[in-house]
Amino acid sequence: MIIKSVELEIVCGVTSKLPDTDKPEMAFAGKSNVGKSSLINGLMNRKSLARTSSQPGKTQTINYYNINKSMYLVDLPGYGYAKVSPKEKEKWGKMVENYLHTSKQLKAVFLLIDIRHEPSANDKQMYEWVVYQGYNPIIIATKLDKIKRSQIQKHVKMIKTGLNVKPDTPILPYSALTKQGREEIWNLIDELLDSSPTEEGTQPSLQGGTNEKA
């Protein structure tokens, strides 16, 4: 996809009413400090539209980035940050759950996992939770530049096994430093955008919007 225009159009906090948009949405979820903001900036060809921080837990809102006035990249709050109070975590969880339940335009959920490490308990919980909500998450394995090229397949397999992903789940390695993987992610997004619902309320299997509860 050629990026012609990008705008942070909508920001929703815990008390905000989620918008009823008229454009396809691609949602991005991931543990705090996994590189989600860096990924979104990389996808949008912007250096700092999505705020990056060395302080985990920075994203506490749902942010809608309008791409080419034709779709939204939706940045969901990071999870698993230990210093956030249980009450705050519960608020964020309900906000994300509400989004997954109510968005009529959500086409896919991308879940970011650090390629260097085995998926954490929080990662596994998030994966299973998104599946329970009726979506088959597409995995983006971040921080690709932190491991050797010869280790990539081994670490991809580690993520696949650690999350116990469904068969044929795409796992896309990505480096915020070199932008390796950017084209593959956009190719998949373009493919999802070109797909049409097979029937009312049902998306093709790649998108995961079967609305089945695991």
Protein backbone atom coordinates (compact mmCIF):
# COMPACT_ATOMS: atom_id res chain seq x y z
CA MET A 1 0.00 0.00 0.00
CA ILE A 2 1.26 3.47 -0.89
CA ILE A 3 0.72 5.81 2.08
CA LYS A 4 -0.68 9.11 0.82
CA SER A 5 -2.21 10.47 4.00
CA VAL A 6 -2.21 9.59 7.70
CA GLU A 7 -4.17 11.20 10.52
CA LEU A 8 -4.72 10.35 14.17
CA GLU A 9 -8.44 10.86 13.86
CA ILE A 10 -10.03 9.36 16.98
CA VAL A 11 -8.75 8.81 20.53
CA CYS A 12 -10.94 6.87 22.98
CA GLY A 13 -10.32 6.65 26.71
CA VAL A 14 -11.98 4.35 29.23
CA THR A 15 -15.05 6.57 29.50
CA SER A 16 -15.34 7.36 25.78
CA LYS A 17 -18.03 5.94 23.54
CA LEU A 18 -16.45 3.90 20.77
CA PRO A 19 -17.08 5.32 17.30
CA ASP A 20 -19.22 3.61 14.68
CA THR A 21 -16.82 4.05 11.77
CA ASP A 22 -17.48 3.53 8.09
CA LYS A 23 -14.04 2.17 7.13
CA PRO A 24 -12.32 -1.21 7.59
CA GLU A 25 -10.29 -1.51 10.80
CA MET A 26 -7.09 -3.44 11.52
CA ALA A 27 -6.40 -3.67 15.25
CA PHE A 28 -2.95 -4.03 16.84
CA ALA A 29 -2.47 -5.50 20.31
CA GLY A 30 0.68 -6.35 22.24
CA LYS A 31 2.44 -6.39 25.57
CA SER A 32 3.83 -3.11 26.85
CA ASN A 33 7.24 -2.33 25.31
CA VAL A 34 6.90 -4.96 22.55
CA GLY A 35 7.36 -2.26 19.92
CA LYS A 36 3.75 -1.61 18.93
CA SER A 37 4.09 2.16 18.48
CA SER A 38 7.32 1.66 16.51
CA LEU A 39 5.56 -0.85 14.27
CA ILE A 40 2.62 1.46 13.63
CA ASN A 41 4.96 4.37 12.87
CA GLY A 42 6.89 2.10 10.51
CA LEU A 43 3.74 0.97 8.71
CA MET A 44 2.59 4.58 8.33
CA ASN A 45 6.03 5.87 7.25
CA ARG A 46 5.98 8.32 10.14
CA LYS A 47 8.65 8.78 12.79
CA SER A 48 6.59 9.78 15.79
CA LEU A 49 2.86 9.91 15.08
CA ALA A 50 2.33 6.95 17.39
CA ARG A 51 4.14 7.92 20.58
CA THR A 52 7.01 5.61 21.47
CA SER A 53 8.41 5.52 24.97
CA SER A 54 10.95 3.63 27.03
CA GLN A 55 8.32 3.69 29.76
CA PRO A 56 5.97 0.71 29.29
CA GLY A 57 2.23 1.16 29.61
CA LYS A 58 2.21 4.51 27.80
CA THR A 59 -0.71 3.78 25.47
CA GLN A 60 -3.81 4.00 27.64
CA THR A 61 -6.29 4.84 24.91
CA ILE A 62 -7.62 3.27 21.73
CA ASN A 63 -6.16 5.30 18.87
CA TYR A 64 -7.62 5.27 15.35
CA TYR A 65 -5.20 6.22 12.56
CA ASN A 66 -6.95 7.06 9.30
CA ILE A 67 -4.84 5.76 6.39
CA ASN A 68 -5.49 7.26 2.94
CA LYS A 69 -9.03 8.07 4.10
CA SER A 70 -9.85 4.44 3.33
CA MET A 71 -9.05 2.39 6.46
CA TYR A 72 -8.05 2.61 10.14
CA LEU A 73 -5.09 1.17 11.97
CA VAL A 74 -6.39 0.81 15.52
CA ASP A 75 -3.80 0.89 18.31
CA LEU A 76 -5.05 -0.93 21.41
CA PRO A 77 -3.63 -0.33 24.93
CA GLY A 78 -0.59 -2.42 25.85
CA TYR A 79 -1.04 -5.19 28.40
CA GLY A 80 1.08 -6.90 31.01
CA TYR A 81 2.72 -3.85 32.56
CA ALA A 82 3.37 -4.81 36.20
CA LYS A 83 3.33 -1.29 37.66
CA VAL A 84 -0.21 -0.59 36.50
CA SER A 85 -2.76 -1.15 39.25
CA PRO A 86 -5.19 -4.08 38.93
CA LYS A 87 -8.03 -1.55 38.73
CA GLU A 88 -6.42 0.17 35.74
CA LYS A 89 -5.73 -3.16 34.07
CA GLU A 90 -9.38 -4.10 34.49
CA LYS A 91 -10.47 -0.81 32.90
CA TRP A 92 -8.18 -1.34 29.91
CA GLY A 93 -9.34 -4.95 29.57
CA LYS A 94 -12.99 -3.92 29.50
CA MET A 95 -12.20 -1.18 26.98
CA VAL A 96 -10.49 -3.63 24.61
CA GLU A 97 -13.19 -6.25 25.11
CA ASN A 98 -15.83 -3.65 24.34
CA TYR A 99 -13.97 -2.72 21.16
CA LEU A 100 -13.67 -6.34 19.97
CA HIS A 101 -17.35 -6.93 20.68
CA THR A 102 -18.81 -3.77 19.20
CA SER A 103 -16.68 -2.81 16.19
CA LYS A 104 -18.61 -3.58 13.03
CA GLN A 105 -15.62 -2.80 10.81
CA LEU A 106 -12.89 -4.87 12.48
CA LYS A 107 -11.30 -7.12 9.85
CA ALA A 108 -8.31 -8.56 11.72
CA VAL A 109 -6.43 -8.48 15.02
CA PHE A 110 -2.62 -8.38 14.85
CA LEU A 111 -0.93 -9.60 18.03
CA LEU A 112 2.69 -8.52 18.59
CA ILE A 113 5.12 -10.91 20.25
CA ASP A 114 8.82 -10.28 20.98
CA ILE A 115 10.67 -12.74 18.71
CA ARG A 116 13.60 -13.03 21.16
CA HIS A 117 11.68 -14.77 23.92
CA GLU A 118 9.14 -17.49 24.48
CA PRO A 119 5.62 -16.03 24.73
CA SER A 120 4.91 -14.92 28.29
CA ALA A 121 1.91 -15.92 30.35
CA ASN A 122 0.36 -12.55 29.45
CA ASP A 123 0.98 -13.19 25.75
CA LYS A 124 -0.69 -16.60 25.93
CA GLN A 125 -3.60 -15.18 27.88
CA MET A 126 -4.07 -12.39 25.32
CA TYR A 127 -3.91 -14.79 22.39
CA GLU A 128 -6.47 -17.13 23.93
CA TRP A 129 -8.66 -14.19 24.92
CA VAL A 130 -8.71 -12.73 21.38
CA VAL A 131 -9.56 -16.19 20.00
CA TYR A 132 -12.36 -16.41 22.57
CA GLN A 133 -13.70 -13.09 21.29
CA GLY A 134 -14.08 -14.69 17.86
CA TYR A 135 -10.88 -13.70 16.04
CA ASN A 136 -7.83 -15.63 14.87
CA PRO A 137 -4.94 -13.26 15.68
CA ILE A 138 -2.24 -12.70 13.07
CA ILE A 139 1.14 -12.76 14.84
CA ILE A 140 3.80 -10.11 14.25
CA ALA A 141 7.14 -11.15 15.73
CA THR A 142 8.86 -7.87 16.62
CA LYS A 143 12.49 -6.95 17.31
CA LEU A 144 13.72 -9.09 14.43
CA ASP A 145 17.02 -7.21 14.25
CA LYS A 146 17.87 -8.39 17.79
CA ILE A 147 18.47 -12.00 16.70
CA LYS A 148 20.69 -13.60 14.05
CA ARG A 149 19.21 -14.47 10.67
CA SER A 150 20.01 -18.13 11.31
CA GLN A 151 17.82 -18.07 14.43
CA ILE A 152 14.66 -16.71 12.81
CA GLN A 153 12.92 -19.99 11.97
CA LYS A 154 13.77 -21.46 15.36
CA HIS A 155 12.26 -18.45 17.16
CA VAL A 156 9.18 -18.37 14.90
CA LYS A 157 8.60 -22.02 15.80
CA MET A 158 9.08 -21.13 19.47
CA ILE A 159 6.29 -18.54 19.21
CA LYS A 160 4.04 -20.91 17.27
CA THR A 161 4.50 -23.63 19.88
CA GLY A 162 4.36 -21.30 22.88
CA LEU A 163 1.04 -19.78 21.84
CA ASN A 164 -0.30 -23.06 20.45
CA VAL A 165 -1.54 -21.10 17.44
CA LYS A 166 -4.25 -22.39 15.14
CA PRO A 167 -3.03 -24.07 11.93
CA ASP A 168 -2.13 -21.68 9.07
CA THR A 169 -1.83 -18.69 11.43
CA PRO A 170 0.47 -16.15 9.73
CA ILE A 171 3.58 -15.25 11.78
CA LEU A 172 5.33 -12.22 10.29
CA PRO A 173 8.78 -11.24 11.64
CA TYR A 174 9.34 -7.46 11.75
CA SER A 175 12.21 -5.08 12.52
CA ALA A 176 11.47 -1.48 13.47
CA LEU A 177 15.13 -0.70 12.75
CA THR A 178 15.37 -2.03 9.18
CA LYS A 179 11.63 -2.14 8.38
CA GLN A 180 12.10 -5.76 7.29
CA GLY A 181 8.65 -7.37 7.22
CA ARG A 182 6.80 -4.10 6.52
CA GLU A 183 5.93 -5.08 2.95
CA GLU A 184 4.70 -8.52 4.01
CA ILE A 185 2.41 -6.98 6.65
CA TRP A 186 0.94 -4.50 4.16
CA ASN A 187 0.49 -7.25 1.56
CA LEU A 188 -1.54 -9.22 4.09
CA ILE A 189 -3.57 -6.13 5.06
CA ASP A 190 -4.28 -5.45 1.38
CA GLU A 191 -5.37 -9.06 0.99
CA LEU A 192 -7.72 -8.72 3.96
CA LEU A 193 -9.14 -5.47 2.61
CA ASP A 194 -9.81 -7.10 -0.74
CA SER A 195 -11.68 -9.95 0.94
CA SER A 196 -15.42 -9.57 1.20
CA PRO A 197 -17.67 -10.92 3.95
CA THR A 198 -19.02 -14.30 2.95
CA GLU A 199 -22.31 -13.47 4.64
CA GLU A 200 -23.66 -10.94 7.07
CA GLY A 201 -21.49 -10.87 10.19
CA THR A 202 -19.10 -13.51 8.90
CA GLN A 203 -15.64 -12.75 7.59
CA PRO A 204 -13.39 -15.10 5.60
CA SER A 205 -11.37 -17.45 7.81
CA LEU A 206 -8.09 -15.56 7.36
CA GLN A 207 -9.66 -12.56 8.99
CA GLY A 208 -10.82 -14.67 11.88
CA GLY A 209 -14.19 -12.93 12.16
CA THR A 210 -16.15 -16.13 12.42
CA ASN A 211 -17.71 -14.98 15.68
CA GLU A 212 -17.21 -18.49 17.04
CA LYS A 213 -16.21 -18.79 20.65
CA ALA A 214 -13.31 -21.12 21.33
